[in-house]
N, C-alpha and C. Protein backbone atom coordinates (compact mmCIF):
# COMPACT_ATOMS: atom_id res chain seq x y z
N UNK A 1 190.82 157.59 254.57
CA UNK A 1 191.58 156.53 253.96
C UNK A 1 190.68 155.76 253.00
N UNK A 2 191.11 155.64 251.78
CA UNK A 2 190.29 154.94 250.79
C UNK A 2 190.44 153.44 250.92
N UNK A 3 189.38 152.73 250.62
CA UNK A 3 189.40 151.26 250.68
C UNK A 3 190.12 150.72 249.45
N UNK A 4 191.05 149.82 249.69
CA UNK A 4 191.82 149.25 248.58
C UNK A 4 191.06 148.08 247.98
N UNK A 5 191.05 148.01 246.68
CA UNK A 5 190.40 146.93 245.96
C UNK A 5 191.48 146.07 245.31
N UNK A 6 191.53 144.81 245.73
CA UNK A 6 192.52 143.89 245.17
C UNK A 6 191.84 142.96 244.19
N UNK A 7 192.58 142.59 243.16
CA UNK A 7 192.04 141.69 242.15
C UNK A 7 193.10 140.65 241.82
N UNK A 8 192.71 139.38 241.88
CA UNK A 8 193.60 138.30 241.52
C UNK A 8 193.31 137.94 240.07
N UNK A 9 194.28 138.11 239.21
CA UNK A 9 194.05 137.93 237.78
C UNK A 9 193.83 136.47 237.41
N UNK A 10 194.75 135.61 237.78
CA UNK A 10 194.67 134.21 237.38
C UNK A 10 195.32 133.37 238.47
N UNK A 11 194.56 132.49 239.08
CA UNK A 11 195.06 131.68 240.20
C UNK A 11 196.33 130.91 239.86
N UNK A 12 196.43 130.42 238.63
CA UNK A 12 197.60 129.62 238.26
C UNK A 12 198.85 130.46 238.04
N UNK A 13 198.70 131.77 237.99
CA UNK A 13 199.85 132.64 237.76
C UNK A 13 200.19 133.52 238.96
N UNK A 14 199.73 133.13 240.15
CA UNK A 14 200.09 133.91 241.33
C UNK A 14 201.52 133.61 241.72
N UNK A 15 202.20 134.62 242.25
CA UNK A 15 203.60 134.44 242.62
C UNK A 15 204.00 135.40 243.73
N UNK A 16 205.02 135.00 244.44
CA UNK A 16 205.64 135.84 245.45
C UNK A 16 207.14 135.67 245.29
N UNK A 17 207.85 136.78 245.17
CA UNK A 17 209.31 136.72 245.07
C UNK A 17 209.91 137.58 246.17
N UNK A 18 210.96 137.04 246.78
CA UNK A 18 211.70 137.77 247.80
C UNK A 18 213.14 137.85 247.31
N UNK A 19 213.60 139.06 247.10
CA UNK A 19 214.97 139.28 246.61
C UNK A 19 215.78 140.04 247.64
N UNK A 20 217.00 139.60 247.84
CA UNK A 20 217.93 140.32 248.70
C UNK A 20 218.87 141.07 247.76
N UNK A 21 218.77 142.39 247.78
CA UNK A 21 219.59 143.24 246.91
C UNK A 21 220.73 143.81 247.76
N UNK A 22 221.85 143.12 247.74
CA UNK A 22 222.97 143.50 248.60
C UNK A 22 223.55 144.86 248.23
N UNK A 23 223.66 145.13 246.94
CA UNK A 23 224.24 146.40 246.51
C UNK A 23 223.40 147.59 246.97
N UNK A 24 222.07 147.43 246.92
CA UNK A 24 221.15 148.49 247.35
C UNK A 24 220.84 148.41 248.84
N UNK A 25 221.36 147.37 249.53
CA UNK A 25 221.12 147.15 250.95
C UNK A 25 219.62 147.07 251.24
N UNK A 26 218.93 146.20 250.46
CA UNK A 26 217.48 146.17 250.52
C UNK A 26 216.93 144.76 250.35
N UNK A 27 215.80 144.50 251.02
CA UNK A 27 215.03 143.29 250.83
C UNK A 27 213.78 143.70 250.06
N UNK A 28 213.54 143.06 248.94
CA UNK A 28 212.41 143.42 248.08
C UNK A 28 211.43 142.25 248.04
N UNK A 29 210.16 142.52 248.35
CA UNK A 29 209.13 141.49 248.34
C UNK A 29 208.07 141.91 247.33
N UNK A 30 207.83 141.03 246.34
CA UNK A 30 206.77 141.27 245.36
C UNK A 30 205.76 140.13 245.47
N UNK A 31 204.48 140.47 245.45
CA UNK A 31 203.45 139.45 245.41
C UNK A 31 202.23 139.96 244.65
N UNK A 32 201.53 139.02 244.04
CA UNK A 32 200.25 139.35 243.43
C UNK A 32 199.14 138.51 244.05
N UNK A 33 199.43 137.90 245.20
CA UNK A 33 198.43 137.13 245.95
C UNK A 33 197.65 138.09 246.84
N UNK A 34 196.34 138.08 246.68
CA UNK A 34 195.48 139.04 247.38
C UNK A 34 195.60 138.92 248.90
N UNK A 35 195.50 137.72 249.44
CA UNK A 35 195.56 137.55 250.90
C UNK A 35 196.89 138.00 251.46
N UNK A 36 197.96 137.69 250.77
CA UNK A 36 199.29 138.07 251.24
C UNK A 36 199.49 139.58 251.15
N UNK A 37 198.97 140.21 250.11
CA UNK A 37 199.07 141.67 249.99
C UNK A 37 198.38 142.34 251.17
N UNK A 38 197.21 141.87 251.52
CA UNK A 38 196.48 142.44 252.67
C UNK A 38 197.25 142.24 253.96
N UNK A 39 197.80 141.05 254.15
CA UNK A 39 198.54 140.74 255.36
C UNK A 39 199.81 141.58 255.47
N UNK A 40 200.56 141.70 254.38
CA UNK A 40 201.77 142.52 254.41
C UNK A 40 201.44 144.00 254.58
N UNK A 41 200.33 144.43 254.03
CA UNK A 41 199.91 145.81 254.20
C UNK A 41 199.67 146.13 255.67
N UNK A 42 199.05 145.21 256.39
CA UNK A 42 198.82 145.41 257.83
C UNK A 42 200.13 145.32 258.61
N UNK A 43 200.99 144.39 258.22
CA UNK A 43 202.22 144.14 258.95
C UNK A 43 203.29 145.20 258.72
N UNK A 44 203.48 145.61 257.46
CA UNK A 44 204.57 146.53 257.11
C UNK A 44 204.12 147.93 256.76
N UNK A 45 202.83 148.12 256.57
CA UNK A 45 202.34 149.40 256.10
C UNK A 45 202.21 149.36 254.58
N UNK A 46 201.94 150.49 254.01
CA UNK A 46 201.73 150.58 252.57
C UNK A 46 202.94 150.14 251.76
N UNK A 47 202.70 149.54 250.60
CA UNK A 47 203.80 149.10 249.76
C UNK A 47 204.54 150.26 249.12
N UNK A 48 205.75 149.98 248.66
CA UNK A 48 206.54 150.98 247.95
C UNK A 48 205.93 151.28 246.59
N UNK A 49 205.41 150.23 245.95
CA UNK A 49 204.81 150.40 244.63
C UNK A 49 203.63 149.43 244.48
N UNK A 50 202.57 149.91 243.84
CA UNK A 50 201.41 149.08 243.56
C UNK A 50 201.16 149.05 242.06
N UNK A 51 200.89 147.87 241.54
CA UNK A 51 200.54 147.72 240.14
C UNK A 51 199.03 147.64 240.04
N UNK A 52 198.44 148.48 239.20
CA UNK A 52 196.99 148.57 239.11
C UNK A 52 196.50 148.34 237.69
N UNK A 53 195.31 147.79 237.61
CA UNK A 53 194.55 147.75 236.36
C UNK A 53 193.25 148.45 236.69
N UNK A 54 193.06 149.58 236.06
CA UNK A 54 191.95 150.49 236.39
C UNK A 54 192.08 150.88 237.85
N UNK A 55 191.11 150.51 238.70
CA UNK A 55 191.19 150.88 240.12
C UNK A 55 191.60 149.72 241.01
N UNK A 56 191.76 148.55 240.44
CA UNK A 56 192.09 147.35 241.23
C UNK A 56 193.60 147.13 241.31
N UNK A 57 194.05 146.75 242.48
CA UNK A 57 195.46 146.46 242.71
C UNK A 57 195.71 145.00 242.34
N UNK A 58 196.67 144.76 241.45
CA UNK A 58 196.95 143.40 241.01
C UNK A 58 198.32 142.91 241.48
N UNK A 59 199.13 143.77 242.07
CA UNK A 59 200.43 143.37 242.58
C UNK A 59 201.04 144.49 243.41
N UNK A 60 201.91 144.13 244.35
CA UNK A 60 202.53 145.13 245.22
C UNK A 60 203.98 144.75 245.50
N UNK A 61 204.79 145.79 245.73
CA UNK A 61 206.20 145.60 246.09
C UNK A 61 206.47 146.35 247.39
N UNK A 62 207.13 145.65 248.31
CA UNK A 62 207.62 146.28 249.54
C UNK A 62 209.12 146.23 249.50
N UNK A 63 209.76 147.34 249.78
CA UNK A 63 211.22 147.41 249.84
C UNK A 63 211.60 147.76 251.27
N UNK A 64 212.39 146.89 251.89
CA UNK A 64 212.77 147.05 253.29
C UNK A 64 214.28 147.14 253.36
N UNK A 65 214.78 148.13 254.05
CA UNK A 65 216.23 148.27 254.24
C UNK A 65 216.74 147.09 255.06
N UNK A 66 217.90 146.57 254.69
CA UNK A 66 218.49 145.47 255.45
C UNK A 66 218.88 145.90 256.86
N UNK A 67 218.97 147.20 257.10
CA UNK A 67 219.26 147.72 258.44
C UNK A 67 218.04 147.68 259.34
N UNK A 68 216.85 147.56 258.76
CA UNK A 68 215.60 147.55 259.53
C UNK A 68 215.30 146.11 259.98
N UNK A 69 216.01 145.68 261.00
CA UNK A 69 215.92 144.30 261.48
C UNK A 69 214.52 143.97 262.01
N UNK A 70 213.83 144.93 262.59
CA UNK A 70 212.51 144.69 263.16
C UNK A 70 211.51 144.27 262.10
N UNK A 71 211.46 144.99 260.99
CA UNK A 71 210.52 144.65 259.92
C UNK A 71 210.85 143.31 259.28
N UNK A 72 212.14 143.07 259.08
CA UNK A 72 212.56 141.80 258.48
C UNK A 72 212.19 140.64 259.40
N UNK A 73 212.39 140.82 260.68
CA UNK A 73 212.04 139.78 261.65
C UNK A 73 210.53 139.52 261.63
N UNK A 74 209.73 140.57 261.57
CA UNK A 74 208.28 140.42 261.50
C UNK A 74 207.86 139.62 260.28
N UNK A 75 208.46 139.94 259.15
CA UNK A 75 208.09 139.26 257.91
C UNK A 75 208.45 137.78 257.97
N UNK A 76 209.64 137.48 258.42
CA UNK A 76 210.11 136.10 258.38
C UNK A 76 209.53 135.26 259.52
N UNK A 77 209.49 135.78 260.72
CA UNK A 77 209.07 134.98 261.86
C UNK A 77 207.57 135.00 262.13
N UNK A 78 206.96 136.16 262.09
CA UNK A 78 205.56 136.27 262.51
C UNK A 78 204.58 136.09 261.37
N UNK A 79 205.00 136.39 260.19
CA UNK A 79 204.11 136.31 259.04
C UNK A 79 204.41 135.03 258.28
N UNK A 80 203.44 134.18 258.13
CA UNK A 80 203.65 132.90 257.45
C UNK A 80 203.51 133.07 255.95
N UNK A 81 204.46 133.73 255.33
CA UNK A 81 204.38 133.97 253.88
C UNK A 81 204.62 132.70 253.09
N UNK A 82 205.17 131.69 253.73
CA UNK A 82 205.46 130.45 253.03
C UNK A 82 204.22 129.57 252.89
N UNK A 83 203.17 129.86 253.66
CA UNK A 83 201.96 129.05 253.61
C UNK A 83 201.01 129.48 252.50
N UNK A 84 201.21 130.62 251.93
CA UNK A 84 200.27 131.11 250.92
C UNK A 84 200.60 130.56 249.56
């Protein structure tokens, strides 16, 4: 397993968005915060998509099915994504 290298581009432009896509029956989480990416990676596993500049990861997206109640519960209840 290769070690992931995360890079935070600009502190003032960090963001996390959580979208509920009802038509696709999916919860989509995007973040470019390094600490949160690491935490979600441990909690949910690898992201659906990673945005890279050279070899450094600058953003990640996790897509979770709305039917997967366990993962959604972990994200909302156990993971303090609102504190980052």
